[in-house]
N, C-alpha and C. Protein backbone atom coordinates (compact mmCIF):
# COMPACT_ATOMS: atom_id res chain seq x y z
N UNK A 1 -7.88 78.81 2.46
CA UNK A 1 -6.48 78.49 2.45
C UNK A 1 -6.24 77.10 3.10
N UNK A 2 -7.00 76.80 4.18
CA UNK A 2 -6.83 75.54 4.87
C UNK A 2 -7.25 74.36 3.99
N UNK A 3 -8.32 74.50 3.18
CA UNK A 3 -8.73 73.40 2.31
C UNK A 3 -7.74 73.22 1.19
N UNK A 4 -7.07 74.26 0.72
CA UNK A 4 -6.04 74.12 -0.33
C UNK A 4 -4.86 73.29 0.22
N UNK A 5 -4.49 73.46 1.48
CA UNK A 5 -3.39 72.71 2.11
C UNK A 5 -3.83 71.24 2.24
N UNK A 6 -5.08 70.99 2.64
CA UNK A 6 -5.58 69.61 2.79
C UNK A 6 -5.57 68.91 1.44
N UNK A 7 -6.00 69.59 0.37
CA UNK A 7 -6.01 68.99 -0.97
C UNK A 7 -4.62 68.65 -1.41
N UNK A 8 -3.69 69.59 -1.18
CA UNK A 8 -2.29 69.38 -1.59
C UNK A 8 -1.68 68.21 -0.80
N UNK A 9 -2.02 68.11 0.49
CA UNK A 9 -1.49 67.02 1.32
C UNK A 9 -2.12 65.69 0.87
N UNK A 10 -3.39 65.69 0.54
CA UNK A 10 -4.06 64.46 0.06
C UNK A 10 -3.49 63.96 -1.26
N UNK A 11 -3.18 64.93 -2.17
CA UNK A 11 -2.56 64.53 -3.43
C UNK A 11 -1.23 63.90 -3.20
N UNK A 12 -0.40 64.47 -2.29
CA UNK A 12 0.89 63.89 -2.00
C UNK A 12 0.74 62.51 -1.41
N UNK A 13 -0.24 62.32 -0.54
CA UNK A 13 -0.50 61.04 0.08
C UNK A 13 -0.90 59.98 -0.95
N UNK A 14 -1.80 60.31 -1.87
CA UNK A 14 -2.22 59.44 -2.95
C UNK A 14 -1.05 59.08 -3.85
N UNK A 15 -0.23 60.07 -4.19
CA UNK A 15 0.92 59.85 -5.03
C UNK A 15 1.90 58.90 -4.34
N UNK A 16 2.16 59.10 -3.08
CA UNK A 16 3.05 58.22 -2.32
C UNK A 16 2.50 56.82 -2.24
N UNK A 17 1.20 56.66 -2.02
CA UNK A 17 0.56 55.37 -1.97
C UNK A 17 0.67 54.67 -3.33
N UNK A 18 0.39 55.38 -4.42
CA UNK A 18 0.49 54.79 -5.75
C UNK A 18 1.89 54.33 -6.05
N UNK A 19 2.89 55.14 -5.71
CA UNK A 19 4.29 54.77 -5.94
C UNK A 19 4.67 53.54 -5.12
N UNK A 20 4.20 53.45 -3.88
CA UNK A 20 4.48 52.29 -3.04
C UNK A 20 3.91 51.02 -3.63
N UNK A 21 2.65 51.08 -4.07
CA UNK A 21 2.02 49.90 -4.67
C UNK A 21 2.75 49.50 -5.95
N UNK A 22 3.08 50.44 -6.79
CA UNK A 22 3.82 50.12 -8.03
C UNK A 22 5.18 49.48 -7.72
N UNK A 23 5.88 50.04 -6.73
CA UNK A 23 7.20 49.51 -6.36
C UNK A 23 7.07 48.06 -5.84
N UNK A 24 6.07 47.85 -5.02
CA UNK A 24 5.87 46.51 -4.47
C UNK A 24 5.58 45.49 -5.59
N UNK A 25 4.76 45.89 -6.55
CA UNK A 25 4.47 44.98 -7.67
C UNK A 25 5.71 44.75 -8.52
N UNK A 26 6.51 45.74 -8.72
CA UNK A 26 7.73 45.60 -9.52
C UNK A 26 8.71 44.66 -8.84
N UNK A 27 8.90 44.83 -7.53
CA UNK A 27 9.86 43.98 -6.78
C UNK A 27 9.35 42.55 -6.71
N UNK A 28 8.04 42.36 -6.57
CA UNK A 28 7.49 41.02 -6.51
C UNK A 28 7.73 40.26 -7.82
N UNK A 29 7.60 40.93 -8.93
CA UNK A 29 7.83 40.31 -10.25
C UNK A 29 9.29 39.94 -10.46
N UNK A 30 10.20 40.58 -9.77
CA UNK A 30 11.63 40.33 -9.95
C UNK A 30 12.19 39.39 -8.91
N UNK A 31 11.38 38.96 -7.91
CA UNK A 31 11.92 38.13 -6.83
C UNK A 31 12.28 36.78 -7.38
N UNK A 32 13.34 36.16 -6.80
CA UNK A 32 13.76 34.83 -7.28
C UNK A 32 12.74 33.79 -6.88
N UNK A 33 12.57 32.81 -7.73
CA UNK A 33 11.62 31.71 -7.47
C UNK A 33 12.39 30.55 -6.90
N UNK A 34 11.70 29.73 -6.10
CA UNK A 34 12.33 28.53 -5.50
C UNK A 34 11.41 27.33 -5.77
N UNK A 35 11.95 26.15 -5.52
CA UNK A 35 11.15 24.94 -5.65
C UNK A 35 10.89 24.56 -7.08
N UNK A 36 10.01 23.59 -7.28
CA UNK A 36 9.71 23.10 -8.62
C UNK A 36 9.13 24.16 -9.50
N UNK A 37 8.41 25.14 -8.94
CA UNK A 37 7.84 26.22 -9.72
C UNK A 37 8.91 27.00 -10.47
N UNK A 38 10.08 27.06 -9.90
CA UNK A 38 11.18 27.81 -10.54
C UNK A 38 11.61 27.12 -11.84
N UNK A 39 11.28 25.85 -11.96
CA UNK A 39 11.63 25.11 -13.14
C UNK A 39 10.53 25.16 -14.19
N UNK A 40 9.62 26.07 -14.04
CA UNK A 40 8.45 26.18 -14.92
C UNK A 40 7.75 24.84 -14.96
N UNK A 41 7.32 24.39 -13.82
CA UNK A 41 6.66 23.12 -13.67
C UNK A 41 5.47 23.01 -14.60
N UNK A 42 5.48 22.04 -15.46
CA UNK A 42 4.41 21.81 -16.42
C UNK A 42 4.19 20.31 -16.57
N UNK A 43 3.06 19.99 -17.11
CA UNK A 43 2.75 18.59 -17.39
C UNK A 43 3.84 17.99 -18.28
N UNK A 44 4.40 18.78 -19.19
CA UNK A 44 5.41 18.29 -20.11
C UNK A 44 6.68 17.82 -19.37
N UNK A 45 6.97 18.38 -18.20
CA UNK A 45 8.11 17.95 -17.43
C UNK A 45 7.97 16.52 -16.91
N UNK A 46 6.76 16.06 -16.80
CA UNK A 46 6.47 14.76 -16.20
C UNK A 46 6.09 13.71 -17.24
N UNK A 47 5.53 14.15 -18.35
CA UNK A 47 5.10 13.22 -19.38
C UNK A 47 6.27 12.44 -19.91
N UNK A 48 6.07 11.12 -20.13
CA UNK A 48 7.10 10.27 -20.69
C UNK A 48 7.18 8.96 -20.00
N UNK A 49 8.30 8.29 -20.21
CA UNK A 49 8.55 6.96 -19.60
C UNK A 49 9.64 7.10 -18.54
N UNK A 50 9.39 6.57 -17.36
CA UNK A 50 10.29 6.74 -16.25
C UNK A 50 10.60 5.39 -15.60
N UNK A 51 11.82 5.28 -15.08
CA UNK A 51 12.26 4.12 -14.30
C UNK A 51 12.49 4.58 -12.86
N UNK A 52 11.82 3.95 -11.91
CA UNK A 52 12.01 4.32 -10.51
C UNK A 52 13.33 3.60 -10.06
N UNK A 53 14.40 4.36 -9.93
CA UNK A 53 15.73 3.82 -9.71
C UNK A 53 16.05 3.60 -8.23
N UNK A 54 15.45 4.42 -7.37
CA UNK A 54 15.84 4.32 -5.93
C UNK A 54 14.72 4.92 -5.08
N UNK A 55 14.64 4.47 -3.85
CA UNK A 55 13.76 5.05 -2.85
C UNK A 55 14.59 5.33 -1.61
N UNK A 56 14.49 6.58 -1.11
CA UNK A 56 15.21 6.97 0.09
C UNK A 56 14.20 7.47 1.11
N UNK A 57 14.69 7.81 2.33
CA UNK A 57 13.79 8.20 3.41
C UNK A 57 14.31 9.42 4.09
N UNK A 58 13.37 10.35 4.43
CA UNK A 58 13.72 11.55 5.20
C UNK A 58 12.94 11.54 6.49
N UNK A 59 13.62 11.64 7.58
CA UNK A 59 13.02 11.73 8.93
C UNK A 59 12.22 10.49 9.33
N UNK A 60 12.51 9.38 8.69
CA UNK A 60 11.83 8.13 9.05
C UNK A 60 12.76 6.98 8.76
N UNK A 61 12.89 6.00 9.66
CA UNK A 61 13.75 4.87 9.39
C UNK A 61 13.07 3.93 8.36
N UNK A 62 13.87 3.35 7.53
CA UNK A 62 13.38 2.44 6.49
C UNK A 62 12.51 1.31 7.07
N UNK A 63 12.86 0.79 8.24
CA UNK A 63 12.12 -0.33 8.81
C UNK A 63 10.73 0.07 9.27
N UNK A 64 10.47 1.38 9.43
CA UNK A 64 9.15 1.84 9.85
C UNK A 64 8.12 1.84 8.73
N UNK A 65 8.58 1.70 7.48
CA UNK A 65 7.68 1.73 6.32
C UNK A 65 7.28 0.29 5.99
N UNK A 66 6.04 -0.05 6.31
CA UNK A 66 5.60 -1.42 6.12
C UNK A 66 4.91 -1.62 4.77
N UNK A 67 4.14 -0.65 4.34
CA UNK A 67 3.47 -0.72 3.02
C UNK A 67 3.59 0.62 2.35
N UNK A 68 3.36 0.66 1.04
CA UNK A 68 3.51 1.93 0.30
C UNK A 68 2.66 1.88 -0.94
N UNK A 69 1.87 2.92 -1.16
CA UNK A 69 1.01 3.09 -2.34
C UNK A 69 0.19 1.84 -2.62
N UNK A 70 -0.30 1.24 -1.54
CA UNK A 70 -1.21 0.09 -1.68
C UNK A 70 -0.49 -1.25 -1.89
N UNK A 71 0.83 -1.23 -1.82
CA UNK A 71 1.59 -2.51 -1.94
C UNK A 71 2.11 -2.93 -0.60
N UNK A 72 2.43 -4.20 -0.45
CA UNK A 72 2.88 -4.70 0.84
C UNK A 72 4.27 -4.20 1.22
N UNK A 73 5.04 -3.73 0.26
CA UNK A 73 6.38 -3.22 0.54
C UNK A 73 6.76 -2.16 -0.44
N UNK A 74 7.47 -1.13 0.02
CA UNK A 74 7.97 -0.09 -0.89
C UNK A 74 8.97 -0.69 -1.87
N UNK A 75 9.63 -1.78 -1.47
CA UNK A 75 10.65 -2.43 -2.32
C UNK A 75 10.07 -2.93 -3.63
N UNK A 76 8.76 -3.18 -3.65
CA UNK A 76 8.11 -3.64 -4.88
C UNK A 76 8.21 -2.61 -5.98
N UNK A 77 8.35 -1.33 -5.62
CA UNK A 77 8.39 -0.26 -6.60
C UNK A 77 9.78 -0.02 -7.19
N UNK A 78 10.81 -0.45 -6.51
CA UNK A 78 12.19 -0.22 -7.05
C UNK A 78 12.33 -1.03 -8.36
N UNK A 79 12.71 -0.30 -9.41
CA UNK A 79 12.83 -0.92 -10.73
C UNK A 79 11.54 -0.86 -11.54
N UNK A 80 10.49 -0.27 -10.97
CA UNK A 80 9.22 -0.19 -11.71
C UNK A 80 9.33 0.84 -12.82
N UNK A 81 8.56 0.63 -13.89
CA UNK A 81 8.52 1.54 -15.01
C UNK A 81 7.18 2.25 -15.02
N UNK A 82 7.21 3.56 -15.24
CA UNK A 82 6.03 4.40 -15.24
C UNK A 82 5.86 5.04 -16.61
N UNK A 83 4.71 4.85 -17.19
CA UNK A 83 4.37 5.45 -18.50
C UNK A 83 3.30 6.51 -18.23
N UNK A 84 3.67 7.78 -18.50
CA UNK A 84 2.77 8.87 -18.24
C UNK A 84 2.52 9.64 -19.54
N UNK A 85 1.32 9.41 -20.11
CA UNK A 85 1.01 10.05 -21.39
C UNK A 85 0.48 11.48 -21.17
N UNK A 86 0.51 12.28 -22.19
CA UNK A 86 0.06 13.66 -22.09
C UNK A 86 -1.45 13.77 -21.81
N UNK A 87 -2.18 12.72 -22.12
CA UNK A 87 -3.64 12.74 -21.90
C UNK A 87 -4.02 12.55 -20.41
N UNK A 88 -3.05 12.13 -19.59
CA UNK A 88 -3.33 11.85 -18.19
C UNK A 88 -3.47 10.36 -17.92
N UNK A 89 -3.60 9.58 -18.97
CA UNK A 89 -3.65 8.15 -18.80
C UNK A 89 -2.22 7.66 -18.57
N UNK A 90 -2.08 6.55 -17.90
CA UNK A 90 -0.76 6.03 -17.68
C UNK A 90 -0.81 4.71 -16.98
N UNK A 91 0.36 4.22 -16.62
CA UNK A 91 0.46 2.95 -15.93
C UNK A 91 1.82 2.86 -15.26
N UNK A 92 1.89 1.96 -14.29
CA UNK A 92 3.22 1.55 -13.79
C UNK A 92 3.26 0.06 -13.77
N UNK A 93 4.46 -0.47 -13.98
CA UNK A 93 4.66 -1.92 -14.04
C UNK A 93 5.67 -2.29 -12.96
N UNK A 94 5.27 -3.14 -12.04
CA UNK A 94 6.16 -3.59 -10.98
C UNK A 94 6.89 -4.81 -11.44
N UNK A 95 8.20 -4.89 -11.16
CA UNK A 95 8.95 -6.08 -11.57
C UNK A 95 8.76 -7.23 -10.60
N UNK A 96 8.98 -8.44 -11.08
CA UNK A 96 8.91 -9.64 -10.25
C UNK A 96 10.10 -9.63 -9.28
N UNK A 97 9.82 -9.97 -8.03
CA UNK A 97 10.90 -10.15 -7.05
C UNK A 97 10.51 -11.25 -6.09
N UNK A 98 11.36 -11.54 -5.13
CA UNK A 98 11.11 -12.63 -4.20
C UNK A 98 9.81 -12.37 -3.39
N UNK A 99 9.53 -11.10 -3.04
CA UNK A 99 8.35 -10.82 -2.22
C UNK A 99 7.24 -10.09 -2.95
N UNK A 100 7.41 -9.82 -4.26
CA UNK A 100 6.43 -9.04 -5.00
C UNK A 100 6.11 -9.69 -6.33
N UNK A 101 4.85 -9.64 -6.67
CA UNK A 101 4.40 -10.19 -7.96
C UNK A 101 4.52 -9.09 -9.03
N UNK A 102 4.88 -9.48 -10.21
CA UNK A 102 4.94 -8.56 -11.33
C UNK A 102 3.52 -8.31 -11.86
N UNK A 103 3.23 -7.03 -12.07
CA UNK A 103 1.96 -6.68 -12.69
C UNK A 103 2.00 -5.24 -13.11
N UNK A 104 0.99 -4.88 -13.98
CA UNK A 104 0.86 -3.52 -14.47
C UNK A 104 -0.43 -2.94 -13.92
N UNK A 105 -0.32 -1.71 -13.40
CA UNK A 105 -1.49 -1.01 -12.86
C UNK A 105 -1.79 0.20 -13.71
N UNK A 106 -3.02 0.33 -14.22
CA UNK A 106 -3.44 1.52 -14.95
C UNK A 106 -3.69 2.65 -13.96
N UNK A 107 -3.32 3.89 -14.35
CA UNK A 107 -3.53 5.05 -13.50
C UNK A 107 -4.05 6.21 -14.34
N UNK A 108 -4.60 7.18 -13.66
CA UNK A 108 -4.90 8.47 -14.27
C UNK A 108 -4.15 9.49 -13.42
N UNK A 109 -3.33 10.31 -14.05
CA UNK A 109 -2.43 11.22 -13.30
C UNK A 109 -2.58 12.67 -13.73
N UNK A 110 -2.12 13.53 -12.88
CA UNK A 110 -2.09 14.97 -13.17
C UNK A 110 -1.01 15.66 -12.37
N UNK A 111 -0.73 16.87 -12.75
CA UNK A 111 0.25 17.73 -12.04
C UNK A 111 -0.49 19.00 -11.64
N UNK A 112 -0.35 19.38 -10.37
CA UNK A 112 -0.93 20.62 -9.93
C UNK A 112 0.21 21.61 -9.72
N UNK A 113 0.22 22.66 -10.56
CA UNK A 113 1.25 23.69 -10.42
C UNK A 113 1.01 24.56 -9.20
N UNK A 114 -0.24 24.64 -8.75
CA UNK A 114 -0.59 25.49 -7.59
C UNK A 114 0.12 25.00 -6.32
N UNK A 115 0.09 23.69 -6.08
CA UNK A 115 0.71 23.18 -4.87
C UNK A 115 1.91 22.25 -5.19
N UNK A 116 2.33 22.26 -6.43
CA UNK A 116 3.52 21.50 -6.89
C UNK A 116 3.45 20.03 -6.49
N UNK A 117 2.33 19.39 -6.93
CA UNK A 117 2.16 17.97 -6.63
C UNK A 117 1.94 17.16 -7.89
N UNK A 118 2.26 15.90 -7.75
CA UNK A 118 1.95 14.88 -8.76
C UNK A 118 0.90 14.02 -8.07
N UNK A 119 -0.23 13.81 -8.73
CA UNK A 119 -1.28 13.03 -8.12
C UNK A 119 -1.75 11.96 -9.13
N UNK A 120 -2.16 10.81 -8.58
CA UNK A 120 -2.69 9.77 -9.48
C UNK A 120 -3.72 8.92 -8.75
N UNK A 121 -4.57 8.32 -9.56
CA UNK A 121 -5.59 7.37 -9.10
C UNK A 121 -5.34 6.05 -9.78
N UNK A 122 -5.48 4.98 -9.03
CA UNK A 122 -5.39 3.65 -9.63
C UNK A 122 -6.72 3.35 -10.30
N UNK A 123 -6.66 2.82 -11.51
CA UNK A 123 -7.86 2.50 -12.27
C UNK A 123 -7.89 0.99 -12.52
N UNK A 124 -8.98 0.34 -12.10
CA UNK A 124 -9.21 -1.05 -12.42
C UNK A 124 -9.99 -1.12 -13.73
N UNK A 125 -10.03 -2.30 -14.31
CA UNK A 125 -10.74 -2.45 -15.59
C UNK A 125 -12.17 -1.98 -15.45
N UNK A 126 -12.60 -1.11 -16.36
CA UNK A 126 -13.92 -0.58 -16.40
C UNK A 126 -14.11 0.70 -15.58
N UNK A 127 -13.11 1.07 -14.78
CA UNK A 127 -13.19 2.31 -13.96
C UNK A 127 -13.06 3.55 -14.88
N UNK A 128 -13.79 4.58 -14.53
CA UNK A 128 -13.59 5.87 -15.16
C UNK A 128 -12.97 6.76 -14.09
N UNK A 129 -11.93 7.51 -14.47
CA UNK A 129 -11.18 8.31 -13.50
C UNK A 129 -12.10 9.24 -12.70
N UNK A 130 -13.12 9.82 -13.32
CA UNK A 130 -13.99 10.74 -12.61
C UNK A 130 -14.78 10.08 -11.50
N UNK A 131 -14.94 8.76 -11.58
CA UNK A 131 -15.69 8.05 -10.57
C UNK A 131 -14.85 7.48 -9.43
N UNK A 132 -13.50 7.54 -9.58
CA UNK A 132 -12.59 7.03 -8.56
C UNK A 132 -12.23 8.18 -7.62
N UNK A 133 -12.54 8.02 -6.34
CA UNK A 133 -12.32 9.08 -5.39
C UNK A 133 -11.02 8.95 -4.59
N UNK A 134 -10.44 7.75 -4.53
CA UNK A 134 -9.21 7.53 -3.78
C UNK A 134 -8.02 7.71 -4.71
N UNK A 135 -6.96 8.24 -4.15
CA UNK A 135 -5.75 8.40 -4.95
C UNK A 135 -4.59 8.80 -4.07
N UNK A 136 -3.52 9.20 -4.73
CA UNK A 136 -2.27 9.53 -4.02
C UNK A 136 -1.78 10.91 -4.49
N UNK A 137 -1.25 11.66 -3.56
CA UNK A 137 -0.71 13.01 -3.86
C UNK A 137 0.72 13.03 -3.33
N UNK A 138 1.66 13.25 -4.24
CA UNK A 138 3.07 13.32 -3.85
C UNK A 138 3.63 14.70 -4.24
N UNK A 139 4.56 15.17 -3.44
CA UNK A 139 5.19 16.45 -3.76
C UNK A 139 6.17 16.28 -4.90
N UNK A 140 6.09 17.16 -5.86
CA UNK A 140 6.96 17.10 -7.02
C UNK A 140 8.18 18.00 -6.71
N UNK A 141 9.25 17.36 -6.22
CA UNK A 141 10.41 18.11 -5.78
C UNK A 141 11.23 18.64 -6.97
N UNK A 142 11.31 17.79 -8.01
CA UNK A 142 12.01 18.22 -9.20
C UNK A 142 11.54 17.35 -10.38
N UNK A 143 11.58 17.95 -11.56
CA UNK A 143 11.32 17.25 -12.80
C UNK A 143 12.02 18.04 -13.88
N UNK A 144 13.23 17.60 -14.23
CA UNK A 144 14.02 18.37 -15.21
C UNK A 144 14.59 17.45 -16.28
N UNK A 145 13.85 17.25 -17.29
CA UNK A 145 14.35 16.48 -18.43
C UNK A 145 14.59 15.01 -18.17
N UNK A 146 15.74 14.68 -17.55
CA UNK A 146 16.12 13.29 -17.37
C UNK A 146 15.87 12.72 -15.97
N UNK A 147 15.54 13.54 -15.02
CA UNK A 147 15.34 13.09 -13.66
C UNK A 147 14.09 13.67 -13.05
N UNK A 148 13.45 12.90 -12.17
CA UNK A 148 12.27 13.38 -11.46
C UNK A 148 12.34 12.87 -10.04
N UNK A 149 11.98 13.70 -9.07
CA UNK A 149 11.95 13.31 -7.67
C UNK A 149 10.58 13.63 -7.09
N UNK A 150 9.95 12.61 -6.52
CA UNK A 150 8.67 12.75 -5.86
C UNK A 150 8.84 12.42 -4.39
N UNK A 151 8.19 13.18 -3.53
CA UNK A 151 8.27 12.96 -2.09
C UNK A 151 6.89 12.66 -1.56
N UNK A 152 6.73 11.50 -0.94
CA UNK A 152 5.46 11.10 -0.37
C UNK A 152 5.46 11.41 1.11
N UNK A 153 4.61 12.36 1.57
CA UNK A 153 4.56 12.66 2.99
C UNK A 153 3.92 11.52 3.76
N UNK A 154 4.54 11.19 4.90
CA UNK A 154 3.99 10.16 5.79
C UNK A 154 4.04 10.67 7.20
N UNK A 155 3.14 10.17 8.02
CA UNK A 155 3.15 10.54 9.44
C UNK A 155 4.10 9.63 10.18
N UNK A 156 5.03 10.24 10.92
CA UNK A 156 5.94 9.50 11.72
C UNK A 156 6.41 10.36 12.89
N UNK A 157 6.22 9.87 14.12
CA UNK A 157 6.65 10.66 15.27
C UNK A 157 5.89 11.97 15.36
N UNK A 158 6.60 13.00 15.73
CA UNK A 158 5.97 14.30 15.90
C UNK A 158 6.17 15.23 14.71
N UNK A 159 6.88 14.78 13.70
CA UNK A 159 7.17 15.69 12.59
C UNK A 159 6.85 15.08 11.22
N UNK A 160 7.12 15.86 10.22
CA UNK A 160 6.87 15.39 8.87
C UNK A 160 8.01 14.49 8.40
N UNK A 161 7.63 13.44 7.73
CA UNK A 161 8.61 12.50 7.18
C UNK A 161 8.23 12.26 5.73
N UNK A 162 9.20 11.77 4.93
CA UNK A 162 8.95 11.58 3.50
C UNK A 162 9.61 10.31 3.01
N UNK A 163 8.89 9.63 2.10
CA UNK A 163 9.46 8.57 1.31
C UNK A 163 9.75 9.24 -0.03
N UNK A 164 11.01 9.17 -0.47
CA UNK A 164 11.46 9.91 -1.63
C UNK A 164 11.71 8.94 -2.80
N UNK A 165 10.99 9.17 -3.91
CA UNK A 165 11.14 8.36 -5.11
C UNK A 165 12.02 9.04 -6.12
N UNK A 166 13.03 8.37 -6.59
CA UNK A 166 13.97 8.93 -7.59
C UNK A 166 13.76 8.23 -8.94
N UNK A 167 13.44 9.01 -9.96
CA UNK A 167 13.17 8.46 -11.28
C UNK A 167 14.22 8.92 -12.28
N UNK A 168 14.43 8.07 -13.28
CA UNK A 168 15.26 8.46 -14.43
C UNK A 168 14.43 8.26 -15.66
N UNK A 169 14.49 9.19 -16.60
CA UNK A 169 13.71 9.13 -17.82
C UNK A 169 14.31 8.06 -18.71
N UNK A 170 13.44 7.29 -19.37
CA UNK A 170 13.92 6.25 -20.29
C UNK A 170 13.29 6.47 -21.68
N UNK A 171 13.79 5.74 -22.63
CA UNK A 171 13.22 5.83 -23.97
C UNK A 171 12.14 4.76 -24.15
N UNK A 172 11.96 3.91 -23.20
CA UNK A 172 10.93 2.89 -23.07
C UNK A 172 11.48 1.53 -23.06
């Protein structure tokens, strides 16, 4: 009689455990998504021609940013055009200004949906992307059709700070 009660109790325990696991999986699938992942972040969201329209700053004063992405000034990037092909090849072209020379830089880029980042490597003539180990990783805050926002984390003070790049999609 005692073993019959143990078996019946064990069956109830297994049933309760199975129902709990199933419920947890069901609720997890229905939970709201946040961030760029909620926008079904894909390479297609980033592919195309972009104009860097503005650069803003979070938790860091503008005067504290002396250089950016290998250039002497972040201001060199304002008005730059970025061509991002589906193959991962691309380029950005910096406009001529009083303190910056105009030129075009070849890049190899990708999007990581796992950590919601846009990353790229600068390629010089003759470079193969697989042989270039240095690059840049920016947080992909949004990419929805006509606008894209990238946030570059920088060290400043005791907390996280960001240089924020605002892009508008162009027809070229």
